[in-house]
């Protein structure tokens, strides 16, 4: 899987206190909550047009992954990054 915040959204996310996500390759990834704080927001299904629900997820996560070169990395993501990385 790959992740990336489109460049045109990065400034807006930063202004809102969110962490833009750089181009990131996720191989053999796993995550765990990094703290007790949770946040809910609407999420949709790309396969079913118009289907949305409020989903509660950890506000911060610790992500363990390998990159495209097989290097093992452990990183923390917060806000939007914590929602889209898992």
C-alpha atoms as a PDB file:
ATOM      1  CA  UNK A   1       0.000   0.000   0.000  1.00  0.00           C
ATOM      2  CA  UNK A   2       1.115   3.588  -0.546  1.00  0.00           C
ATOM      3  CA  UNK A   3      -0.002   6.768   1.207  1.00  0.00           C
ATOM      4  CA  UNK A   4       0.399  10.440   0.347  1.00  0.00           C
ATOM      5  CA  UNK A   5      -1.310  13.725   1.110  1.00  0.00           C
ATOM      6  CA  UNK A   6      -1.822  15.580  -2.170  1.00  0.00           C
ATOM      7  CA  UNK A   7       0.432  18.656  -2.238  1.00  0.00           C
ATOM      8  CA  UNK A   8      -2.548  20.987  -2.713  1.00  0.00           C
ATOM      9  CA  UNK A   9      -3.962  19.891   0.688  1.00  0.00           C
ATOM     10  CA  UNK A  10      -0.746  19.992   2.753  1.00  0.00           C
ATOM     11  CA  UNK A  11      -0.934  23.697   3.730  1.00  0.00           C
ATOM     12  CA  UNK A  12      -4.616  23.448   4.655  1.00  0.00           C
ATOM     13  CA  UNK A  13      -3.963  20.409   6.837  1.00  0.00           C
ATOM     14  CA  UNK A  14      -1.062  22.143   8.584  1.00  0.00           C
ATOM     15  CA  UNK A  15      -3.249  25.205   9.274  1.00  0.00           C
ATOM     16  CA  UNK A  16      -5.801  22.896  10.910  1.00  0.00           C
ATOM     17  CA  UNK A  17      -3.166  21.266  13.110  1.00  0.00           C
ATOM     18  CA  UNK A  18      -3.047  18.090  11.023  1.00  0.00           C
ATOM     19  CA  UNK A  19       0.061  16.221   9.888  1.00  0.00           C
ATOM     20  CA  UNK A  20       0.410  15.918   6.084  1.00  0.00           C
ATOM     21  CA  UNK A  21       1.550  12.454   5.033  1.00  0.00           C
ATOM     22  CA  UNK A  22       4.517  12.290   2.633  1.00  0.00           C
ATOM     23  CA  UNK A  23       4.688   9.581  -0.055  1.00  0.00           C
ATOM     24  CA  UNK A  24       5.009   6.435   2.051  1.00  0.00           C
ATOM     25  CA  UNK A  25       5.279   2.765   1.072  1.00  0.00           C
ATOM     26  CA  UNK A  26       3.742   0.290   3.545  1.00  0.00           C
ATOM     27  CA  UNK A  27       4.865  -3.338   3.366  1.00  0.00           C
ATOM     28  CA  UNK A  28       4.031  -5.821   6.153  1.00  0.00           C
ATOM     29  CA  UNK A  29       2.587  -2.991   8.229  1.00  0.00           C
ATOM     30  CA  UNK A  30       0.954  -3.143  11.646  1.00  0.00           C
ATOM     31  CA  UNK A  31      -0.085  -0.473  14.100  1.00  0.00           C
ATOM     32  CA  UNK A  32      -1.118   0.131  17.682  1.00  0.00           C
ATOM     33  CA  UNK A  33      -2.687   3.071  19.460  1.00  0.00           C
ATOM     34  CA  UNK A  34      -0.163   5.546  20.889  1.00  0.00           C
ATOM     35  CA  UNK A  35      -2.166   6.884  23.811  1.00  0.00           C
ATOM     36  CA  UNK A  36      -5.766   6.811  24.951  1.00  0.00           C
ATOM     37  CA  UNK A  37      -7.191   9.733  22.959  1.00  0.00           C
ATOM     38  CA  UNK A  38      -9.659   8.837  20.201  1.00  0.00           C
ATOM     39  CA  UNK A  39     -11.387  10.924  17.538  1.00  0.00           C
ATOM     40  CA  UNK A  40     -14.425  10.296  15.374  1.00  0.00           C
ATOM     41  CA  UNK A  41     -15.164  11.574  11.904  1.00  0.00           C
ATOM     42  CA  UNK A  42     -17.143  10.584   8.842  1.00  0.00           C
ATOM     43  CA  UNK A  43     -15.650   7.928   6.609  1.00  0.00           C
ATOM     44  CA  UNK A  44     -17.091   6.645   3.374  1.00  0.00           C
ATOM     45  CA  UNK A  45     -16.884   3.552   1.244  1.00  0.00           C
ATOM     46  CA  UNK A  46     -15.447   4.010  -2.249  1.00  0.00           C
ATOM     47  CA  UNK A  47     -17.297   0.887  -3.406  1.00  0.00           C
ATOM     48  CA  UNK A  48     -20.749   2.050  -2.272  1.00  0.00           C
ATOM     49  CA  UNK A  49     -21.558   5.597  -3.356  1.00  0.00           C
ATOM     50  CA  UNK A  50     -23.092   7.719  -0.610  1.00  0.00           C
ATOM     51  CA  UNK A  51     -22.434   5.276   2.236  1.00  0.00           C
ATOM     52  CA  UNK A  52     -20.868   7.000   5.259  1.00  0.00           C
ATOM     53  CA  UNK A  53     -20.647   6.503   8.994  1.00  0.00           C
ATOM     54  CA  UNK A  54     -18.837   8.085  11.933  1.00  0.00           C
ATOM     55  CA  UNK A  55     -15.821   5.928  12.756  1.00  0.00           C
ATOM     56  CA  UNK A  56     -13.806   6.361  15.969  1.00  0.00           C
ATOM     57  CA  UNK A  57     -10.079   5.728  15.711  1.00  0.00           C
ATOM     58  CA  UNK A  58      -6.983   6.459  17.820  1.00  0.00           C
ATOM     59  CA  UNK A  59      -5.816  10.084  17.529  1.00  0.00           C
ATOM     60  CA  UNK A  60      -2.199   8.839  17.402  1.00  0.00           C
ATOM     61  CA  UNK A  61      -0.735   5.526  16.280  1.00  0.00           C
ATOM     62  CA  UNK A  62       2.645   3.808  16.249  1.00  0.00           C
ATOM     63  CA  UNK A  63       3.113   2.239  12.811  1.00  0.00           C
ATOM     64  CA  UNK A  64       5.638  -0.517  12.138  1.00  0.00           C
ATOM     65  CA  UNK A  65       6.370  -1.145   8.466  1.00  0.00           C
ATOM     66  CA  UNK A  66       8.931  -2.002   5.851  1.00  0.00           C
ATOM     67  CA  UNK A  67       9.680   0.446   3.061  1.00  0.00           C
ATOM     68  CA  UNK A  68      10.217  -0.371  -0.614  1.00  0.00           C
ATOM     69  CA  UNK A  69      13.834  -1.363   0.148  1.00  0.00           C
ATOM     70  CA  UNK A  70      12.908  -3.764   2.961  1.00  0.00           C
ATOM     71  CA  UNK A  71      14.073  -1.448   5.749  1.00  0.00           C
ATOM     72  CA  UNK A  72      12.044  -1.845   8.974  1.00  0.00           C
ATOM     73  CA  UNK A  73      10.698   1.475  10.258  1.00  0.00           C
ATOM     74  CA  UNK A  74       8.698   2.496  13.329  1.00  0.00           C
ATOM     75  CA  UNK A  75       6.889   5.854  13.056  1.00  0.00           C
ATOM     76  CA  UNK A  76       4.172   7.814  14.821  1.00  0.00           C
ATOM     77  CA  UNK A  77       1.270   9.364  12.966  1.00  0.00           C
ATOM     78  CA  UNK A  78      -1.339  11.767  14.337  1.00  0.00           C
ATOM     79  CA  UNK A  79      -4.620  13.206  13.063  1.00  0.00           C
ATOM     80  CA  UNK A  80      -5.288  12.435   9.396  1.00  0.00           C
ATOM     81  CA  UNK A  81      -2.165  10.283   9.138  1.00  0.00           C
ATOM     82  CA  UNK A  82      -3.398   8.105  12.000  1.00  0.00           C
ATOM     83  CA  UNK A  83      -6.749   7.684  10.245  1.00  0.00           C
ATOM     84  CA  UNK A  84      -5.441   6.702   6.805  1.00  0.00           C
ATOM     85  CA  UNK A  85      -2.298   4.689   7.636  1.00  0.00           C
ATOM     86  CA  UNK A  86      -4.024   1.562   9.003  1.00  0.00           C
END
